[in-house]
Every structure is written in C-alpha cells, then in structure tokens.
Amino acid sequence: MRTFRLIGIAFLAIVLCVNFTACSDDNEEETFGNIEGTWLLQSSKGYIENSNEKETWNESYPDLQEGKLVITKVSNNKYKFEEYYWSHDGAWEEEPLTYFPELSGTLFTITPHILDFWDTAEIKSVDKTKLVLECIGDDGGEWFHSVNTFVRAK
C-alpha cells in the first residue's frame, strides 16, 4: 500500500509540474504577437464618406513599395509610429509622419486628433509575418474607414 501511495504522489507531482509549465507563458502580447518592427503595406481597402458622396478603394501593393510603418514601444501602453511613403525618386521618404498612439487591449488611439488621419486603429490580427489594422477616423463631416494589411520587412 505504501508503494502505491508513493507512486501516486510522484505521478501527482509530475502532473502539477507539467500543468504549471504549460501556463507560464500566458500573456496578452503573446496572444496577439509582437507588433514592434518594420511593416510594409501589402493592401488597403476602405472608404471616405461625407454627406454628399462616398469614395471607395481596394488596392494591392505586391511590390511592397507604397507605405512603410515602423512601430516602436515607448512605454507601458504608448507606441511610436513612423510612416514612410515611397517617393517618385524611387526611395522611401526621408522624413516620416510620426505620432504616438496609446494601446488599450487591441485598440490604438491617437490624441489629440490629427487632421486627415485615423483616430483609432484596431489590431485585427498579428503574427510573425502579417499585421492587419482596421483604422477609423472623423474629420468633422468626413468619415473614413480602412483595413490595411502589412507584412513584416525582412
């Protein structure tokens, strides 16, 4: 009987060790992947709408030479976004558009508002190679919405 008790305790100890090991890496950043890095715009789909008209687009950029987004974590929930655009000279612009959104869950928010720019961007998905952001903005009578797919630069 004493042997069975010892075997039972050893088995229980092994199960508990495996259980704790399996749960040790649970955190939100791992769930959504690492968003920091350099991302190249692969496609953009969306619309701009005001009271008179609605303009839509569905663009693909297979050469990845349309937009570049560099994301850096600045503090606990604050990030630095640097956007570069491909110039007519055949190179990325030297001066990026730089802004500092805050992340809450999966939602980035820019405050104060930047004219002609998104107010919120929700992370729809992110993994080692792809980032999808759904961006929404209001410029006082003109709404815009886009879903932008980026691939990680190599």
C-alpha atoms as a PDB file:
ATOM      1  CA  MET A   1       0.000   0.000   0.000  1.00  0.00           C
ATOM      2  CA  ARG A   2       2.857   2.315   0.848  1.00  0.00           C
ATOM      3  CA  THR A   3       4.341   1.755  -2.658  1.00  0.00           C
ATOM      4  CA  PHE A   4       1.066   2.741  -4.336  1.00  0.00           C
ATOM      5  CA  ARG A   5       0.883   5.929  -2.246  1.00  0.00           C
ATOM      6  CA  LEU A   6       4.457   6.832  -3.253  1.00  0.00           C
ATOM      7  CA  ILE A   7       3.708   6.180  -6.935  1.00  0.00           C
ATOM      8  CA  GLY A   8       0.519   8.279  -6.650  1.00  0.00           C
ATOM      9  CA  ILE A   9       2.369  11.213  -5.071  1.00  0.00           C
ATOM     10  CA  ALA A  10       5.120  11.040  -7.732  1.00  0.00           C
ATOM     11  CA  PHE A  11       2.502  10.969 -10.504  1.00  0.00           C
ATOM     12  CA  LEU A  12       0.666  13.953  -8.955  1.00  0.00           C
ATOM     13  CA  ALA A  13       3.943  15.923  -8.728  1.00  0.00           C
ATOM     14  CA  ILE A  14       4.679  15.256 -12.427  1.00  0.00           C
ATOM     15  CA  VAL A  15       1.175  16.336 -13.480  1.00  0.00           C
ATOM     16  CA  LEU A  16       1.429  19.556 -11.446  1.00  0.00           C
ATOM     17  CA  CYS A  17       4.846  20.409 -12.934  1.00  0.00           C
ATOM     18  CA  VAL A  18       3.558  19.919 -16.482  1.00  0.00           C
ATOM     19  CA  ASN A  19       0.442  21.964 -15.721  1.00  0.00           C
ATOM     20  CA  PHE A  20       2.425  24.948 -14.364  1.00  0.00           C
ATOM     21  CA  THR A  21       4.867  24.806 -17.260  1.00  0.00           C
ATOM     22  CA  ALA A  22       2.033  24.910 -19.797  1.00  0.00           C
ATOM     23  CA  CYS A  23       0.554  28.077 -18.262  1.00  0.00           C
ATOM     24  CA  SER A  24       3.738  30.035 -17.627  1.00  0.00           C
ATOM     25  CA  ASP A  25       3.769  31.958 -20.971  1.00  0.00           C
ATOM     26  CA  ASP A  26       0.176  33.240 -20.945  1.00  0.00           C
ATOM     27  CA  ASN A  27       0.166  36.989 -21.593  1.00  0.00           C
ATOM     28  CA  GLU A  28      -1.634  39.380 -23.939  1.00  0.00           C
ATOM     29  CA  GLU A  29       1.370  40.267 -26.080  1.00  0.00           C
ATOM     30  CA  GLU A  30       1.988  36.609 -26.926  1.00  0.00           C
ATOM     31  CA  THR A  31      -1.697  36.187 -27.819  1.00  0.00           C
ATOM     32  CA  PHE A  32      -1.515  38.988 -30.390  1.00  0.00           C
ATOM     33  CA  GLY A  33       2.111  38.591 -31.357  1.00  0.00           C
ATOM     34  CA  ASN A  34       4.774  41.258 -31.334  1.00  0.00           C
ATOM     35  CA  ILE A  35       3.687  44.404 -33.188  1.00  0.00           C
ATOM     36  CA  GLU A  36       7.039  46.127 -32.880  1.00  0.00           C
ATOM     37  CA  GLY A  37       9.118  46.245 -36.020  1.00  0.00           C
ATOM     38  CA  THR A  38       9.065  47.438 -39.617  1.00  0.00           C
ATOM     39  CA  TRP A  39       5.934  46.676 -41.647  1.00  0.00           C
ATOM     40  CA  LEU A  40       5.367  47.155 -45.391  1.00  0.00           C
ATOM     41  CA  LEU A  41       1.871  47.917 -46.732  1.00  0.00           C
ATOM     42  CA  GLN A  42       0.590  45.000 -48.808  1.00  0.00           C
ATOM     43  CA  SER A  43      -3.044  46.068 -49.319  1.00  0.00           C
ATOM     44  CA  SER A  44      -5.625  48.649 -48.289  1.00  0.00           C
ATOM     45  CA  LYS A  45      -9.395  48.549 -48.593  1.00  0.00           C
ATOM     46  CA  GLY A  46     -11.813  51.185 -47.386  1.00  0.00           C
ATOM     47  CA  TYR A  47     -13.833  54.322 -47.972  1.00  0.00           C
ATOM     48  CA  ILE A  48     -14.048  58.056 -47.337  1.00  0.00           C
ATOM     49  CA  GLU A  49     -17.560  59.388 -46.908  1.00  0.00           C
ATOM     50  CA  ASN A  50     -19.207  62.759 -46.400  1.00  0.00           C
ATOM     51  CA  SER A  51     -22.830  63.882 -46.677  1.00  0.00           C
ATOM     52  CA  ASN A  52     -22.613  64.126 -50.490  1.00  0.00           C
ATOM     53  CA  GLU A  53     -20.534  61.175 -51.647  1.00  0.00           C
ATOM     54  CA  LYS A  54     -18.651  58.015 -50.784  1.00  0.00           C
ATOM     55  CA  GLU A  55     -15.310  57.160 -52.362  1.00  0.00           C
ATOM     56  CA  THR A  56     -14.089  53.551 -52.028  1.00  0.00           C
ATOM     57  CA  TRP A  57     -10.817  51.825 -52.790  1.00  0.00           C
ATOM     58  CA  ASN A  58      -9.409  48.304 -52.805  1.00  0.00           C
ATOM     59  CA  GLU A  59      -5.699  48.462 -53.588  1.00  0.00           C
ATOM     60  CA  SER A  60      -2.961  45.853 -53.571  1.00  0.00           C
ATOM     61  CA  TYR A  61       0.770  46.612 -53.489  1.00  0.00           C
ATOM     62  CA  PRO A  62       2.600  43.408 -54.499  1.00  0.00           C
ATOM     63  CA  ASP A  63       5.959  45.209 -54.793  1.00  0.00           C
ATOM     64  CA  LEU A  64       5.555  46.466 -51.176  1.00  0.00           C
ATOM     65  CA  GLN A  65       6.629  49.959 -52.248  1.00  0.00           C
ATOM     66  CA  GLU A  66       3.697  52.079 -51.133  1.00  0.00           C
ATOM     67  CA  GLY A  67       3.931  52.536 -47.380  1.00  0.00           C
ATOM     68  CA  LYS A  68       6.256  51.543 -44.571  1.00  0.00           C
ATOM     69  CA  LEU A  69       5.263  51.601 -40.892  1.00  0.00           C
ATOM     70  CA  VAL A  70       7.875  51.400 -38.133  1.00  0.00           C
ATOM     71  CA  ILE A  71       6.362  50.604 -34.711  1.00  0.00           C
ATOM     72  CA  THR A  72       8.381  51.036 -31.511  1.00  0.00           C
ATOM     73  CA  LYS A  73       7.147  50.595 -27.949  1.00  0.00           C
ATOM     74  CA  VAL A  74       7.904  53.747 -25.936  1.00  0.00           C
ATOM     75  CA  SER A  75       6.367  52.881 -22.553  1.00  0.00           C
ATOM     76  CA  ASN A  76       3.844  50.531 -20.999  1.00  0.00           C
ATOM     77  CA  ASN A  77       0.946  51.325 -23.365  1.00  0.00           C
ATOM     78  CA  LYS A  78       2.449  54.066 -25.579  1.00  0.00           C
ATOM     79  CA  TYR A  79       3.923  53.394 -29.011  1.00  0.00           C
ATOM     80  CA  LYS A  80       5.779  55.400 -31.623  1.00  0.00           C
ATOM     81  CA  PHE A  81       4.523  55.028 -35.204  1.00  0.00           C
ATOM     82  CA  GLU A  82       6.665  56.308 -38.074  1.00  0.00           C
ATOM     83  CA  GLU A  83       5.047  56.234 -41.527  1.00  0.00           C
ATOM     84  CA  TYR A  84       7.140  56.474 -44.665  1.00  0.00           C
ATOM     85  CA  TYR A  85       5.861  56.661 -48.242  1.00  0.00           C
ATOM     86  CA  TRP A  86       7.574  55.611 -51.441  1.00  0.00           C
ATOM     87  CA  SER A  87       8.645  58.724 -53.355  1.00  0.00           C
ATOM     88  CA  HIS A  88       8.766  59.335 -57.074  1.00  0.00           C
ATOM     89  CA  ASP A  89      12.562  59.265 -56.780  1.00  0.00           C
ATOM     90  CA  GLY A  90      12.442  55.519 -56.187  1.00  0.00           C
ATOM     91  CA  ALA A  91      13.198  55.571 -52.441  1.00  0.00           C
ATOM     92  CA  TRP A  92      11.443  55.910 -49.094  1.00  0.00           C
ATOM     93  CA  GLU A  93      10.821  59.474 -47.921  1.00  0.00           C
ATOM     94  CA  GLU A  94      13.463  60.700 -45.505  1.00  0.00           C
ATOM     95  CA  GLU A  95      11.081  62.382 -43.027  1.00  0.00           C
ATOM     96  CA  PRO A  96       8.363  60.113 -41.649  1.00  0.00           C
ATOM     97  CA  LEU A  97       4.975  61.141 -40.308  1.00  0.00           C
ATOM     98  CA  THR A  98       5.463  60.422 -36.585  1.00  0.00           C
ATOM     99  CA  TYR A  99       2.755  60.012 -33.948  1.00  0.00           C
ATOM    100  CA  PHE A 100       2.328  58.352 -30.554  1.00  0.00           C
ATOM    101  CA  PRO A 101      -0.854  56.281 -30.137  1.00  0.00           C
ATOM    102  CA  GLU A 102      -1.814  54.551 -26.905  1.00  0.00           C
ATOM    103  CA  LEU A 103      -2.782  50.880 -26.878  1.00  0.00           C
ATOM    104  CA  SER A 104      -5.681  49.583 -24.790  1.00  0.00           C
ATOM    105  CA  GLY A 105      -6.367  45.891 -25.426  1.00  0.00           C
ATOM    106  CA  THR A 106      -6.278  45.703 -29.226  1.00  0.00           C
ATOM    107  CA  LEU A 107      -7.209  49.361 -29.873  1.00  0.00           C
ATOM    108  CA  PHE A 108      -4.716  52.135 -30.663  1.00  0.00           C
ATOM    109  CA  THR A 109      -5.994  55.686 -30.059  1.00  0.00           C
ATOM    110  CA  ILE A 110      -4.391  58.932 -31.166  1.00  0.00           C
ATOM    111  CA  THR A 111      -4.976  62.010 -29.009  1.00  0.00           C
ATOM    112  CA  PRO A 112      -5.126  64.800 -29.850  1.00  0.00           C
ATOM    113  CA  HIS A 113      -6.746  64.327 -33.251  1.00  0.00           C
ATOM    114  CA  ILE A 114      -4.522  64.631 -36.339  1.00  0.00           C
ATOM    115  CA  LEU A 115      -6.249  66.153 -39.366  1.00  0.00           C
ATOM    116  CA  ASP A 116      -6.760  63.724 -42.284  1.00  0.00           C
ATOM    117  CA  PHE A 117      -5.732  60.816 -40.136  1.00  0.00           C
ATOM    118  CA  TRP A 118      -7.259  57.889 -38.242  1.00  0.00           C
ATOM    119  CA  ASP A 119      -8.472  58.317 -34.662  1.00  0.00           C
ATOM    120  CA  THR A 120      -8.465  54.629 -33.767  1.00  0.00           C
ATOM    121  CA  ALA A 121      -6.763  51.587 -35.233  1.00  0.00           C
ATOM    122  CA  GLU A 122      -7.779  48.132 -34.058  1.00  0.00           C
ATOM    123  CA  ILE A 123      -5.404  45.196 -34.338  1.00  0.00           C
ATOM    124  CA  LYS A 124      -7.449  42.616 -36.226  1.00  0.00           C
ATOM    125  CA  SER A 125      -4.592  40.126 -36.372  1.00  0.00           C
ATOM    126  CA  VAL A 126      -0.852  39.996 -35.943  1.00  0.00           C
ATOM    127  CA  ASP A 127       1.704  37.214 -36.141  1.00  0.00           C
ATOM    128  CA  LYS A 128       5.369  36.906 -37.079  1.00  0.00           C
ATOM    129  CA  THR A 129       4.773  37.902 -40.708  1.00  0.00           C
ATOM    130  CA  LYS A 130       1.475  39.822 -41.010  1.00  0.00           C
ATOM    131  CA  LEU A 131      -0.316  42.733 -39.295  1.00  0.00           C
ATOM    132  CA  VAL A 132      -3.904  43.790 -40.068  1.00  0.00           C
ATOM    133  CA  LEU A 133      -5.142  47.151 -38.751  1.00  0.00           C
ATOM    134  CA  GLU A 134      -8.699  48.480 -39.073  1.00  0.00           C
ATOM    135  CA  CYS A 135      -8.485  52.279 -39.000  1.00  0.00           C
ATOM    136  CA  ILE A 136     -11.367  54.700 -38.403  1.00  0.00           C
ATOM    137  CA  GLY A 137     -11.290  58.496 -38.474  1.00  0.00           C
ATOM    138  CA  ASP A 138     -13.583  61.530 -38.418  1.00  0.00           C
ATOM    139  CA  ASP A 139     -12.510  64.873 -39.819  1.00  0.00           C
ATOM    140  CA  GLY A 140     -15.645  66.797 -38.933  1.00  0.00           C
ATOM    141  CA  GLY A 141     -18.150  65.757 -41.576  1.00  0.00           C
ATOM    142  CA  GLU A 142     -15.888  63.332 -43.400  1.00  0.00           C
ATOM    143  CA  TRP A 143     -15.593  59.752 -42.130  1.00  0.00           C
ATOM    144  CA  PHE A 144     -13.049  57.258 -43.299  1.00  0.00           C
ATOM    145  CA  HIS A 145     -12.553  53.581 -42.673  1.00  0.00           C
ATOM    146  CA  SER A 146      -9.815  51.264 -43.932  1.00  0.00           C
ATOM    147  CA  VAL A 147      -8.456  47.797 -43.382  1.00  0.00           C
ATOM    148  CA  ASN A 148      -4.709  47.761 -44.021  1.00  0.00           C
ATOM    149  CA  THR A 149      -2.632  44.623 -44.312  1.00  0.00           C
ATOM    150  CA  PHE A 150       1.103  44.829 -43.682  1.00  0.00           C
ATOM    151  CA  VAL A 151       3.875  42.248 -43.987  1.00  0.00           C
ATOM    152  CA  ARG A 152       6.952  42.307 -41.785  1.00  0.00           C
ATOM    153  CA  ALA A 153      10.056  43.644 -43.550  1.00  0.00           C
ATOM    154  CA  LYS A 154      12.888  41.140 -43.826  1.00  0.00           C
END
